[in-house]
Amino acid sequence: MLHLDNEFHLNRQTGLLSRVLERGTRAVQSLFRSIVFTFAPIVVEMAIVCATLNALFNSAVVGVVITTFVAYVMWTERCASTALVLWCA
């Protein structure tokens, strides 16, 4: 911001720039938090469960678990999208 021209500062656009940068920072933090605390643990848990089931039973059981998980994720996403459309309408 220090290297911007004098006209920029006289028009008081520094507050706008600060808000845009702050929103971007919050968006990156939110994305990082979602990945680290939601998606990564799910992937690790699924890997451990699938490895355990494969060792105790066979790959058919692992296939059923993965298929069920994928179907649940797709169903949840569809319900969330439908709820969002209904709520926003």
C-alpha atoms as a PDB file:
ATOM      1  CA  MET A   1       0.000   0.000   0.000  1.00  0.00           C
ATOM      2  CA  LEU A   2       2.924   2.312   0.560  1.00  0.00           C
ATOM      3  CA  HIS A   3       3.919   2.147  -3.108  1.00  0.00           C
ATOM      4  CA  LEU A   4       0.536   3.245  -4.450  1.00  0.00           C
ATOM      5  CA  ASP A   5       0.218   6.711  -5.952  1.00  0.00           C
ATOM      6  CA  ASN A   6      -0.910   9.752  -3.994  1.00  0.00           C
ATOM      7  CA  GLU A   7      -4.267   9.905  -5.823  1.00  0.00           C
ATOM      8  CA  PHE A   8      -5.166   6.478  -4.495  1.00  0.00           C
ATOM      9  CA  HIS A   9      -4.550   7.588  -0.916  1.00  0.00           C
ATOM     10  CA  LEU A  10      -6.355  10.903  -1.386  1.00  0.00           C
ATOM     11  CA  ASN A  11      -9.460   9.111  -2.626  1.00  0.00           C
ATOM     12  CA  ARG A  12      -9.388   6.996   0.564  1.00  0.00           C
ATOM     13  CA  GLN A  13      -9.337   3.672  -1.205  1.00  0.00           C
ATOM     14  CA  THR A  14      -6.964   2.230   1.404  1.00  0.00           C
ATOM     15  CA  GLY A  15      -9.877   1.102   3.582  1.00  0.00           C
ATOM     16  CA  LEU A  16     -11.412  -0.762   0.666  1.00  0.00           C
ATOM     17  CA  LEU A  17      -8.131  -2.465  -0.112  1.00  0.00           C
ATOM     18  CA  SER A  18      -7.698  -3.445   3.529  1.00  0.00           C
ATOM     19  CA  ARG A  19     -11.191  -4.980   3.606  1.00  0.00           C
ATOM     20  CA  VAL A  20     -10.573  -6.942   0.422  1.00  0.00           C
ATOM     21  CA  LEU A  21      -7.276  -8.266   1.781  1.00  0.00           C
ATOM     22  CA  GLU A  22      -8.918  -9.179   5.097  1.00  0.00           C
ATOM     23  CA  ARG A  23     -11.725 -11.068   3.345  1.00  0.00           C
ATOM     24  CA  GLY A  24      -9.186 -12.957   1.273  1.00  0.00           C
ATOM     25  CA  THR A  25      -7.214 -13.850   4.386  1.00  0.00           C
ATOM     26  CA  ARG A  26     -10.352 -15.107   6.145  1.00  0.00           C
ATOM     27  CA  ALA A  27     -11.320 -17.164   3.087  1.00  0.00           C
ATOM     28  CA  VAL A  28      -7.920 -18.862   2.968  1.00  0.00           C
ATOM     29  CA  GLN A  29      -8.056 -19.527   6.726  1.00  0.00           C
ATOM     30  CA  SER A  30     -11.528 -21.024   6.416  1.00  0.00           C
ATOM     31  CA  LEU A  31     -10.473 -23.259   3.531  1.00  0.00           C
ATOM     32  CA  PHE A  32      -7.366 -24.405   5.395  1.00  0.00           C
ATOM     33  CA  ARG A  33      -9.395 -25.098   8.546  1.00  0.00           C
ATOM     34  CA  SER A  34     -11.910 -27.141   6.544  1.00  0.00           C
ATOM     35  CA  ILE A  35      -9.212 -29.224   4.912  1.00  0.00           C
ATOM     36  CA  VAL A  36      -7.165 -29.815   8.055  1.00  0.00           C
ATOM     37  CA  PHE A  37      -9.970 -30.450  10.535  1.00  0.00           C
ATOM     38  CA  THR A  38     -12.645 -32.019   8.323  1.00  0.00           C
ATOM     39  CA  PHE A  39     -11.420 -33.626   5.131  1.00  0.00           C
ATOM     40  CA  ALA A  40      -7.997 -34.900   6.212  1.00  0.00           C
ATOM     41  CA  PRO A  41      -9.321 -36.780   9.277  1.00  0.00           C
ATOM     42  CA  ILE A  42     -12.062 -38.377   7.160  1.00  0.00           C
ATOM     43  CA  VAL A  43      -9.531 -39.572   4.589  1.00  0.00           C
ATOM     44  CA  VAL A  44      -7.241 -40.960   7.309  1.00  0.00           C
ATOM     45  CA  GLU A  45     -10.147 -42.679   9.069  1.00  0.00           C
ATOM     46  CA  MET A  46     -11.426 -44.217   5.822  1.00  0.00           C
ATOM     47  CA  ALA A  47      -7.942 -45.492   5.000  1.00  0.00           C
ATOM     48  CA  ILE A  48      -7.568 -47.097   8.437  1.00  0.00           C
ATOM     49  CA  VAL A  49     -11.048 -48.641   8.306  1.00  0.00           C
ATOM     50  CA  CYS A  50     -10.537 -49.979   4.792  1.00  0.00           C
ATOM     51  CA  ALA A  51      -7.115 -51.426   5.652  1.00  0.00           C
ATOM     52  CA  THR A  52      -8.526 -53.097   8.761  1.00  0.00           C
ATOM     53  CA  LEU A  53     -11.526 -54.527   6.936  1.00  0.00           C
ATOM     54  CA  ASN A  54      -9.314 -55.740   4.113  1.00  0.00           C
ATOM     55  CA  ALA A  55      -7.023 -57.498   6.603  1.00  0.00           C
ATOM     56  CA  LEU A  56      -9.894 -59.081   8.576  1.00  0.00           C
ATOM     57  CA  PHE A  57     -12.280 -59.879   5.733  1.00  0.00           C
ATOM     58  CA  ASN A  58     -11.732 -59.276   2.004  1.00  0.00           C
ATOM     59  CA  SER A  59     -11.803 -56.575  -0.597  1.00  0.00           C
ATOM     60  CA  ALA A  60     -15.534 -57.067  -1.272  1.00  0.00           C
ATOM     61  CA  VAL A  61     -16.320 -55.685   2.186  1.00  0.00           C
ATOM     62  CA  VAL A  62     -14.020 -52.722   1.508  1.00  0.00           C
ATOM     63  CA  GLY A  63     -15.857 -52.134  -1.771  1.00  0.00           C
ATOM     64  CA  VAL A  64     -19.209 -52.097   0.032  1.00  0.00           C
ATOM     65  CA  VAL A  65     -17.906 -49.599   2.610  1.00  0.00           C
ATOM     66  CA  ILE A  66     -16.432 -47.295  -0.040  1.00  0.00           C
ATOM     67  CA  THR A  67     -19.577 -47.502  -2.179  1.00  0.00           C
ATOM     68  CA  THR A  68     -21.764 -46.712   0.827  1.00  0.00           C
ATOM     69  CA  PHE A  69     -19.534 -43.784   1.794  1.00  0.00           C
ATOM     70  CA  VAL A  70     -19.576 -42.322  -1.727  1.00  0.00           C
ATOM     71  CA  ALA A  71     -23.367 -42.748  -1.942  1.00  0.00           C
ATOM     72  CA  TYR A  72     -23.780 -40.993   1.423  1.00  0.00           C
ATOM     73  CA  VAL A  73     -21.558 -38.084   0.352  1.00  0.00           C
ATOM     74  CA  MET A  74     -23.461 -37.684  -2.909  1.00  0.00           C
ATOM     75  CA  TRP A  75     -26.837 -37.857  -1.123  1.00  0.00           C
ATOM     76  CA  THR A  76     -25.736 -35.330   1.495  1.00  0.00           C
ATOM     77  CA  GLU A  77     -24.449 -32.947  -1.176  1.00  0.00           C
ATOM     78  CA  ARG A  78     -27.708 -33.250  -3.100  1.00  0.00           C
ATOM     79  CA  CYS A  79     -29.770 -32.577   0.051  1.00  0.00           C
ATOM     80  CA  ALA A  80     -27.594 -29.614   0.976  1.00  0.00           C
ATOM     81  CA  SER A  81     -27.902 -28.158  -2.532  1.00  0.00           C
ATOM     82  CA  THR A  82     -31.670 -28.633  -2.505  1.00  0.00           C
ATOM     83  CA  ALA A  83     -31.973 -27.062   0.937  1.00  0.00           C
ATOM     84  CA  LEU A  84     -29.862 -24.107  -0.180  1.00  0.00           C
ATOM     85  CA  VAL A  85     -32.017 -23.558  -3.261  1.00  0.00           C
ATOM     86  CA  LEU A  86     -35.212 -23.765  -1.194  1.00  0.00           C
ATOM     87  CA  TRP A  87     -33.821 -21.467   1.488  1.00  0.00           C
ATOM     88  CA  CYS A  88     -32.576 -18.869  -1.007  1.00  0.00           C
ATOM     89  CA  ALA A  89     -35.788 -18.824  -3.046  1.00  0.00           C
END
